[in-house]
N, C-alpha and C. Protein backbone atom coordinates (compact mmCIF):
# COMPACT_ATOMS: atom_id res chain seq x y z
N MET A 1 92.64 119.01 83.10
CA MET A 1 93.32 117.72 83.27
C MET A 1 94.22 117.79 84.51
N TYR A 2 94.88 116.70 84.77
CA TYR A 2 95.71 116.61 85.97
C TYR A 2 97.18 116.75 85.58
N SER A 3 97.98 117.29 86.49
CA SER A 3 99.41 117.42 86.23
C SER A 3 100.18 116.36 87.00
N ILE A 4 101.30 115.94 86.42
CA ILE A 4 102.19 114.98 87.07
C ILE A 4 103.48 115.72 87.43
N GLN A 5 103.85 115.63 88.70
CA GLN A 5 105.04 116.31 89.20
C GLN A 5 106.03 115.30 89.77
N PRO A 6 107.31 115.36 89.38
CA PRO A 6 108.31 114.50 90.02
C PRO A 6 108.76 115.15 91.33
N VAL A 7 108.82 114.37 92.39
CA VAL A 7 109.24 114.89 93.69
C VAL A 7 110.05 113.83 94.43
N LEU A 8 110.74 114.27 95.43
CA LEU A 8 111.41 113.36 96.37
C LEU A 8 110.66 113.46 97.69
N TRP A 9 110.58 112.35 98.40
CA TRP A 9 109.88 112.33 99.70
C TRP A 9 110.41 113.43 100.61
N SER A 10 111.72 113.61 100.63
CA SER A 10 112.35 114.58 101.54
C SER A 10 111.98 116.03 101.20
N THR A 11 111.51 116.29 99.98
CA THR A 11 111.16 117.66 99.61
C THR A 11 109.69 117.98 99.86
N LEU A 12 108.91 116.98 100.22
CA LEU A 12 107.49 117.21 100.49
C LEU A 12 107.30 117.82 101.87
N SER A 13 106.30 118.66 102.00
CA SER A 13 105.96 119.22 103.31
C SER A 13 105.42 118.11 104.20
N HIS A 14 105.38 118.37 105.49
CA HIS A 14 104.81 117.39 106.43
C HIS A 14 103.35 117.11 106.08
N LEU A 15 102.64 118.13 105.66
CA LEU A 15 101.24 117.95 105.28
C LEU A 15 101.12 117.05 104.05
N GLN A 16 101.99 117.26 103.04
CA GLN A 16 101.97 116.41 101.85
C GLN A 16 102.37 114.98 102.20
N GLN A 17 103.37 114.82 103.07
CA GLN A 17 103.76 113.48 103.49
C GLN A 17 102.61 112.79 104.22
N ALA A 18 101.91 113.53 105.06
CA ALA A 18 100.78 112.97 105.80
C ALA A 18 99.65 112.57 104.84
N GLN A 19 99.48 113.33 103.77
CA GLN A 19 98.46 113.00 102.77
C GLN A 19 98.88 111.80 101.94
N LEU A 20 100.16 111.69 101.65
CA LEU A 20 100.67 110.64 100.77
C LEU A 20 100.85 109.30 101.48
N LYS A 21 101.18 109.32 102.76
CA LYS A 21 101.46 108.07 103.49
C LYS A 21 100.31 107.06 103.39
N PRO A 22 99.05 107.44 103.62
CA PRO A 22 97.97 106.44 103.49
C PRO A 22 97.85 105.89 102.07
N MET A 23 98.17 106.70 101.08
CA MET A 23 98.13 106.22 99.69
C MET A 23 99.20 105.17 99.46
N LEU A 24 100.39 105.40 99.98
CA LEU A 24 101.47 104.43 99.85
C LEU A 24 101.10 103.12 100.53
N LEU A 25 100.43 103.21 101.67
CA LEU A 25 100.04 102.02 102.43
C LEU A 25 98.93 101.22 101.76
N VAL A 26 98.19 101.84 100.85
CA VAL A 26 97.18 101.09 100.10
C VAL A 26 97.87 100.06 99.20
N ALA A 27 98.95 100.47 98.55
CA ALA A 27 99.67 99.59 97.63
C ALA A 27 100.56 98.59 98.37
N ASP A 28 101.05 98.96 99.53
CA ASP A 28 101.91 98.08 100.32
C ASP A 28 101.59 98.32 101.79
N PRO A 29 100.94 97.37 102.46
CA PRO A 29 100.51 97.60 103.84
C PRO A 29 101.63 97.59 104.88
N SER A 30 102.88 97.47 104.45
CA SER A 30 104.00 97.45 105.39
C SER A 30 104.82 98.74 105.27
N TRP A 31 104.66 99.63 106.27
CA TRP A 31 105.45 100.87 106.26
C TRP A 31 106.94 100.55 106.38
N VAL A 32 107.28 99.52 107.09
CA VAL A 32 108.69 99.10 107.21
C VAL A 32 109.25 98.79 105.82
N GLU A 33 108.48 98.08 105.00
CA GLU A 33 108.92 97.77 103.64
C GLU A 33 109.00 99.03 102.79
N ILE A 34 108.02 99.91 102.89
CA ILE A 34 108.00 101.15 102.12
C ILE A 34 109.25 101.98 102.43
N GLU A 35 109.62 102.04 103.70
CA GLU A 35 110.79 102.83 104.09
C GLU A 35 112.10 102.30 103.50
N THR A 36 112.12 101.04 103.06
CA THR A 36 113.35 100.49 102.48
C THR A 36 113.66 101.11 101.11
N TYR A 37 112.66 101.68 100.45
CA TYR A 37 112.90 102.28 99.13
C TYR A 37 112.48 103.74 99.01
N LEU A 38 111.63 104.21 99.88
CA LEU A 38 111.02 105.53 99.72
C LEU A 38 112.03 106.67 99.64
N PHE A 39 113.07 106.61 100.43
CA PHE A 39 114.02 107.72 100.50
C PHE A 39 115.00 107.74 99.34
N ASN A 40 115.05 106.67 98.55
CA ASN A 40 115.93 106.60 97.38
C ASN A 40 115.15 106.63 96.07
N ALA A 41 113.86 106.79 96.16
CA ALA A 41 113.00 106.71 94.98
C ALA A 41 112.54 108.10 94.53
N LYS A 42 112.12 108.14 93.28
CA LYS A 42 111.48 109.33 92.75
C LYS A 42 109.98 109.07 92.78
N LEU A 43 109.25 110.03 93.29
CA LEU A 43 107.80 109.95 93.32
C LEU A 43 107.24 110.81 92.19
N PHE A 44 106.29 110.24 91.47
CA PHE A 44 105.54 111.02 90.51
C PHE A 44 104.15 111.17 91.10
N VAL A 45 103.81 112.39 91.45
CA VAL A 45 102.51 112.63 92.05
C VAL A 45 101.61 113.32 91.03
N MET A 46 100.37 112.91 91.02
CA MET A 46 99.38 113.52 90.14
C MET A 46 98.53 114.45 91.00
N LEU A 47 98.38 115.67 90.53
CA LEU A 47 97.67 116.69 91.28
C LEU A 47 96.39 117.09 90.56
N ASN A 48 95.35 117.39 91.34
CA ASN A 48 94.13 117.92 90.75
C ASN A 48 94.24 119.44 90.66
N ALA A 49 93.17 120.09 90.24
CA ALA A 49 93.18 121.55 90.06
C ALA A 49 93.44 122.30 91.37
N GLN A 50 93.14 121.66 92.51
CA GLN A 50 93.37 122.29 93.82
C GLN A 50 94.75 121.93 94.39
N ALA A 51 95.60 121.34 93.55
CA ALA A 51 96.97 120.94 93.92
C ALA A 51 96.99 119.87 95.01
N GLN A 52 95.93 119.06 95.09
CA GLN A 52 95.89 117.94 96.02
C GLN A 52 96.43 116.70 95.31
N ILE A 53 97.16 115.87 96.05
CA ILE A 53 97.70 114.64 95.49
C ILE A 53 96.55 113.64 95.36
N ILE A 54 96.32 113.19 94.12
CA ILE A 54 95.22 112.26 93.87
C ILE A 54 95.72 110.89 93.41
N ALA A 55 97.01 110.82 93.05
CA ALA A 55 97.60 109.56 92.62
C ALA A 55 99.11 109.68 92.76
N GLN A 56 99.76 108.52 92.89
CA GLN A 56 101.22 108.54 93.01
C GLN A 56 101.81 107.27 92.44
N LEU A 57 103.04 107.40 91.95
CA LEU A 57 103.83 106.26 91.50
C LEU A 57 105.23 106.46 92.05
N CYS A 58 105.76 105.43 92.66
CA CYS A 58 107.09 105.48 93.28
C CYS A 58 108.03 104.65 92.41
N LEU A 59 109.08 105.28 91.89
CA LEU A 59 110.00 104.64 90.95
C LEU A 59 111.40 104.60 91.56
N LEU A 60 111.98 103.42 91.58
CA LEU A 60 113.33 103.24 92.12
C LEU A 60 114.27 102.86 90.99
N GLU A 61 115.27 103.69 90.74
CA GLU A 61 116.25 103.43 89.69
C GLU A 61 117.47 102.73 90.27
N THR A 62 117.96 101.72 89.54
CA THR A 62 119.20 101.04 89.91
C THR A 62 119.94 100.69 88.62
N ASP A 63 121.15 101.15 88.50
CA ASP A 63 121.99 100.88 87.33
C ASP A 63 121.25 101.21 86.04
N ASP A 64 121.00 100.21 85.19
CA ASP A 64 120.38 100.44 83.89
C ASP A 64 118.92 100.02 83.86
N GLN A 65 118.30 99.97 85.04
CA GLN A 65 116.90 99.57 85.11
C GLN A 65 116.20 100.32 86.24
N ALA A 66 114.89 100.18 86.27
CA ALA A 66 114.10 100.82 87.32
C ALA A 66 112.94 99.89 87.67
N GLU A 67 112.36 100.14 88.84
CA GLU A 67 111.22 99.36 89.29
C GLU A 67 110.13 100.28 89.82
N ILE A 68 108.91 100.02 89.39
CA ILE A 68 107.77 100.69 89.99
C ILE A 68 107.53 99.99 91.33
N LYS A 69 107.73 100.71 92.41
CA LYS A 69 107.63 100.11 93.75
C LYS A 69 106.26 100.30 94.38
N ASN A 70 105.52 101.30 93.93
CA ASN A 70 104.27 101.62 94.60
C ASN A 70 103.44 102.47 93.63
N LEU A 71 102.17 102.18 93.54
CA LEU A 71 101.27 102.92 92.66
C LEU A 71 99.89 102.93 93.29
N THR A 72 99.32 104.13 93.45
CA THR A 72 98.01 104.26 94.06
C THR A 72 97.26 105.43 93.43
N VAL A 73 95.97 105.24 93.24
CA VAL A 73 95.07 106.32 92.83
C VAL A 73 94.02 106.45 93.92
N ALA A 74 93.78 107.68 94.37
CA ALA A 74 92.75 107.91 95.39
C ALA A 74 91.43 107.31 94.92
N GLU A 75 90.70 106.73 95.85
CA GLU A 75 89.49 105.97 95.51
C GLU A 75 88.50 106.78 94.66
N SER A 76 88.31 108.04 95.00
CA SER A 76 87.32 108.86 94.27
C SER A 76 87.77 109.21 92.85
N TYR A 77 89.02 108.92 92.51
CA TYR A 77 89.55 109.21 91.17
C TYR A 77 89.81 107.95 90.35
N GLN A 78 89.50 106.78 90.91
CA GLN A 78 89.76 105.53 90.19
C GLN A 78 88.82 105.37 89.01
N GLY A 79 89.25 104.62 88.02
CA GLY A 79 88.45 104.36 86.84
C GLY A 79 88.54 105.44 85.78
N GLN A 80 89.48 106.36 85.93
CA GLN A 80 89.63 107.47 84.97
C GLN A 80 90.91 107.33 84.14
N GLY A 81 91.62 106.22 84.29
CA GLY A 81 92.85 106.04 83.52
C GLY A 81 94.08 106.70 84.11
N LEU A 82 93.99 107.13 85.37
CA LEU A 82 95.12 107.84 85.99
C LEU A 82 96.31 106.91 86.26
N ALA A 83 96.04 105.68 86.70
CA ALA A 83 97.14 104.73 86.94
C ALA A 83 97.86 104.45 85.62
N LYS A 84 97.10 104.24 84.57
CA LYS A 84 97.71 103.99 83.26
C LYS A 84 98.55 105.19 82.81
N ALA A 85 98.04 106.39 83.04
CA ALA A 85 98.79 107.60 82.68
C ALA A 85 100.10 107.68 83.47
N LEU A 86 100.07 107.35 84.75
CA LEU A 86 101.30 107.37 85.55
C LEU A 86 102.28 106.31 85.08
N ILE A 87 101.78 105.13 84.74
CA ILE A 87 102.66 104.07 84.25
C ILE A 87 103.30 104.50 82.93
N GLN A 88 102.51 105.05 82.02
CA GLN A 88 103.07 105.53 80.75
C GLN A 88 104.10 106.63 80.98
N HIS A 89 103.84 107.49 81.94
CA HIS A 89 104.80 108.54 82.30
C HIS A 89 106.11 107.92 82.80
N ALA A 90 106.00 106.91 83.64
CA ALA A 90 107.20 106.23 84.16
C ALA A 90 107.98 105.55 83.03
N ILE A 91 107.26 104.94 82.10
CA ILE A 91 107.92 104.29 80.96
C ILE A 91 108.69 105.32 80.14
N GLU A 92 108.05 106.44 79.83
CA GLU A 92 108.72 107.49 79.05
C GLU A 92 109.91 108.08 79.81
N TYR A 93 109.74 108.29 81.10
CA TYR A 93 110.83 108.80 81.94
C TYR A 93 112.02 107.84 81.90
N ALA A 94 111.76 106.54 82.06
CA ALA A 94 112.84 105.54 82.05
C ALA A 94 113.52 105.49 80.68
N LYS A 95 112.75 105.65 79.62
CA LYS A 95 113.35 105.69 78.27
C LYS A 95 114.27 106.89 78.11
N GLN A 96 113.85 108.04 78.64
CA GLN A 96 114.67 109.25 78.56
C GLN A 96 116.00 109.07 79.29
N LEU A 97 115.99 108.24 80.32
CA LEU A 97 117.23 107.97 81.07
C LEU A 97 118.05 106.85 80.43
N ASN A 98 117.59 106.34 79.29
CA ASN A 98 118.24 105.24 78.58
C ASN A 98 118.34 103.98 79.43
N LEU A 99 117.35 103.74 80.26
CA LEU A 99 117.31 102.52 81.04
C LEU A 99 116.87 101.38 80.12
N HIS A 100 117.29 100.16 80.45
CA HIS A 100 117.00 99.02 79.58
C HIS A 100 115.73 98.27 79.97
N HIS A 101 115.42 98.23 81.26
CA HIS A 101 114.25 97.48 81.72
C HIS A 101 113.50 98.29 82.77
N LEU A 102 112.20 98.09 82.78
CA LEU A 102 111.35 98.62 83.84
C LEU A 102 110.59 97.43 84.40
N TRP A 103 110.64 97.29 85.71
CA TRP A 103 110.04 96.15 86.40
C TRP A 103 108.91 96.62 87.29
N VAL A 104 108.02 95.71 87.59
CA VAL A 104 106.99 95.95 88.59
C VAL A 104 106.69 94.60 89.23
N LYS A 105 106.41 94.63 90.52
CA LYS A 105 106.08 93.42 91.27
C LYS A 105 104.74 93.66 91.95
N THR A 106 103.90 92.64 91.92
CA THR A 106 102.60 92.75 92.57
C THR A 106 102.19 91.39 93.12
N GLY A 107 101.20 91.40 93.95
CA GLY A 107 100.75 90.16 94.57
C GLY A 107 100.00 89.26 93.61
N ASN A 108 100.08 87.97 93.86
CA ASN A 108 99.38 86.99 93.02
C ASN A 108 97.87 87.20 93.04
N SER A 109 97.35 87.84 94.07
CA SER A 109 95.91 88.06 94.21
C SER A 109 95.46 89.41 93.64
N SER A 110 96.40 90.20 93.14
CA SER A 110 96.10 91.55 92.63
C SER A 110 95.69 91.47 91.16
N LEU A 111 94.52 90.92 90.92
CA LEU A 111 94.09 90.63 89.55
C LEU A 111 93.94 91.89 88.69
N ASP A 112 93.39 92.95 89.25
CA ASP A 112 93.24 94.19 88.47
C ASP A 112 94.60 94.78 88.11
N GLN A 113 95.54 94.74 89.06
CA GLN A 113 96.87 95.28 88.79
C GLN A 113 97.60 94.45 87.75
N LEU A 114 97.48 93.13 87.83
CA LEU A 114 98.11 92.26 86.83
C LEU A 114 97.59 92.58 85.43
N ALA A 115 96.29 92.79 85.32
CA ALA A 115 95.70 93.13 84.02
C ALA A 115 96.20 94.50 83.55
N LEU A 116 96.21 95.47 84.45
CA LEU A 116 96.65 96.83 84.10
C LEU A 116 98.07 96.84 83.56
N TYR A 117 99.00 96.21 84.28
CA TYR A 117 100.40 96.23 83.85
C TYR A 117 100.57 95.55 82.49
N GLN A 118 99.84 94.48 82.25
CA GLN A 118 99.94 93.80 80.97
C GLN A 118 99.34 94.67 79.85
N LYS A 119 98.28 95.38 80.13
CA LYS A 119 97.71 96.30 79.14
C LYS A 119 98.68 97.43 78.80
N CYS A 120 99.57 97.74 79.74
CA CYS A 120 100.57 98.80 79.52
C CYS A 120 101.85 98.27 78.88
N GLY A 121 101.86 96.99 78.53
CA GLY A 121 103.01 96.44 77.81
C GLY A 121 103.95 95.58 78.62
N PHE A 122 103.70 95.42 79.91
CA PHE A 122 104.55 94.58 80.75
C PHE A 122 104.26 93.11 80.46
N ARG A 123 105.29 92.28 80.56
CA ARG A 123 105.13 90.85 80.35
C ARG A 123 105.52 90.12 81.63
N LEU A 124 104.88 88.99 81.86
CA LEU A 124 105.20 88.19 83.03
C LEU A 124 106.64 87.70 82.94
N SER A 125 107.36 87.81 84.04
CA SER A 125 108.75 87.36 84.08
C SER A 125 108.87 86.09 84.93
N HIS A 126 108.52 86.23 86.22
CA HIS A 126 108.62 85.08 87.11
C HIS A 126 107.83 85.34 88.40
N ILE A 127 107.77 84.32 89.23
CA ILE A 127 107.07 84.41 90.51
C ILE A 127 108.07 84.21 91.64
N GLU A 128 108.01 85.07 92.64
CA GLU A 128 108.81 84.92 93.86
C GLU A 128 107.86 84.39 94.93
N ARG A 129 108.08 83.16 95.32
CA ARG A 129 107.15 82.46 96.22
C ARG A 129 107.27 82.95 97.67
N ASP A 130 106.14 83.00 98.34
CA ASP A 130 106.03 83.25 99.78
C ASP A 130 106.55 84.61 100.25
N VAL A 131 106.62 85.59 99.37
CA VAL A 131 107.10 86.93 99.75
C VAL A 131 106.20 87.56 100.81
N PHE A 132 104.90 87.35 100.70
CA PHE A 132 103.95 88.00 101.60
C PHE A 132 103.51 87.10 102.75
N LYS A 133 104.06 85.91 102.82
CA LYS A 133 103.64 84.93 103.82
C LYS A 133 103.85 85.42 105.25
N ASP A 134 104.91 86.14 105.50
CA ASP A 134 105.24 86.55 106.86
C ASP A 134 104.87 88.00 107.18
N TYR A 135 104.01 88.61 106.36
CA TYR A 135 103.53 89.96 106.69
C TYR A 135 102.77 89.89 108.01
N PRO A 136 102.80 90.96 108.79
CA PRO A 136 102.13 90.94 110.10
C PRO A 136 100.65 90.56 110.02
N GLU A 137 99.96 91.04 109.00
CA GLU A 137 98.55 90.73 108.80
C GLU A 137 98.40 90.01 107.46
N PRO A 138 97.64 88.93 107.41
CA PRO A 138 97.41 88.25 106.13
C PRO A 138 96.73 89.20 105.14
N ILE A 139 97.07 89.06 103.87
CA ILE A 139 96.49 89.89 102.82
C ILE A 139 95.57 89.01 101.97
N TYR A 140 94.36 89.48 101.75
CA TYR A 140 93.41 88.80 100.88
C TYR A 140 92.85 89.81 99.89
N GLU A 141 92.86 89.45 98.62
CA GLU A 141 92.25 90.26 97.59
C GLU A 141 91.47 89.32 96.68
N ASN A 142 90.31 89.76 96.26
CA ASN A 142 89.50 88.95 95.34
C ASN A 142 89.26 87.54 95.88
N GLY A 143 89.20 87.40 97.21
CA GLY A 143 88.99 86.10 97.82
C GLY A 143 90.18 85.17 97.75
N ILE A 144 91.36 85.72 97.42
CA ILE A 144 92.58 84.93 97.24
C ILE A 144 93.61 85.39 98.27
N ALA A 145 94.28 84.45 98.92
CA ALA A 145 95.38 84.80 99.83
C ALA A 145 96.56 85.29 99.01
N CYS A 146 97.08 86.44 99.38
CA CYS A 146 98.25 87.00 98.71
C CYS A 146 99.49 86.44 99.40
N LEU A 147 100.16 85.53 98.74
CA LEU A 147 101.36 84.90 99.27
C LEU A 147 102.58 85.15 98.39
N ASP A 148 102.36 85.08 97.08
CA ASP A 148 103.47 85.15 96.13
C ASP A 148 103.52 86.51 95.44
N GLN A 149 104.70 86.85 94.96
CA GLN A 149 104.91 88.10 94.23
C GLN A 149 105.12 87.76 92.75
N VAL A 150 104.33 88.40 91.91
CA VAL A 150 104.46 88.22 90.46
C VAL A 150 105.31 89.36 89.92
N VAL A 151 106.35 89.03 89.17
CA VAL A 151 107.27 90.01 88.61
C VAL A 151 106.98 90.15 87.13
N LEU A 152 106.76 91.40 86.70
CA LEU A 152 106.51 91.72 85.30
C LEU A 152 107.56 92.72 84.85
N GLY A 153 107.91 92.68 83.59
CA GLY A 153 108.90 93.61 83.07
C GLY A 153 108.59 94.06 81.67
N ILE A 154 109.20 95.17 81.31
CA ILE A 154 109.11 95.70 79.97
C ILE A 154 110.50 96.11 79.52
N VAL A 155 110.88 95.70 78.31
CA VAL A 155 112.18 96.07 77.75
C VAL A 155 112.01 97.44 77.11
N LEU A 156 112.90 98.37 77.47
CA LEU A 156 112.78 99.74 77.01
C LEU A 156 113.67 100.07 75.82
N SER A 157 114.72 99.29 75.62
CA SER A 157 115.63 99.60 74.50
C SER A 157 115.97 98.34 73.73
C-alpha cells in the first residue's frame, strides 16, 4: 500500500519540490495563487514503494478551521481511491487538532471533484462568483467555463 507523510514545502529537497510543483499546478494553474498559501500549509504527500510522490493534499489551518487548498493524484495512479484516502486523512488530522470546520473550494466546472468531496461528507456552502474570471488563461473543464468557486464544508465537532 501507499504511505502518507506530512511535510512542509520548506523541508522538501529541490528534487521533491520540482516533482511536486507540476502536481500542484494541475489543481490550480496559477503558481502566484499557490504561493499565497504553500509556505504556511501542511502538505500530505502519498508515496509509492519507491518513495516517489504520487499524490498530494495541501492543508491550510487558520484558527479553529482548515481548508484543503490543493489536491492532486498523479495521472497513472488515478481511479484507485487515493484522493479519497488523502481527504479522509485530512479530516482525521483536523479532528485530532480539535478544529471545528474543514473547507474546500473548487471550480464550478470541476464535476468529478464536486462529486468526490460530497461522497467524503462535504456539503455545499456557497458560491463565490467570478473568482476565476481574471486568470491569465481561461479554464475549461467538461466543456464548461470555470468562472465561479464552489465552497463546500464539513463540520468536525
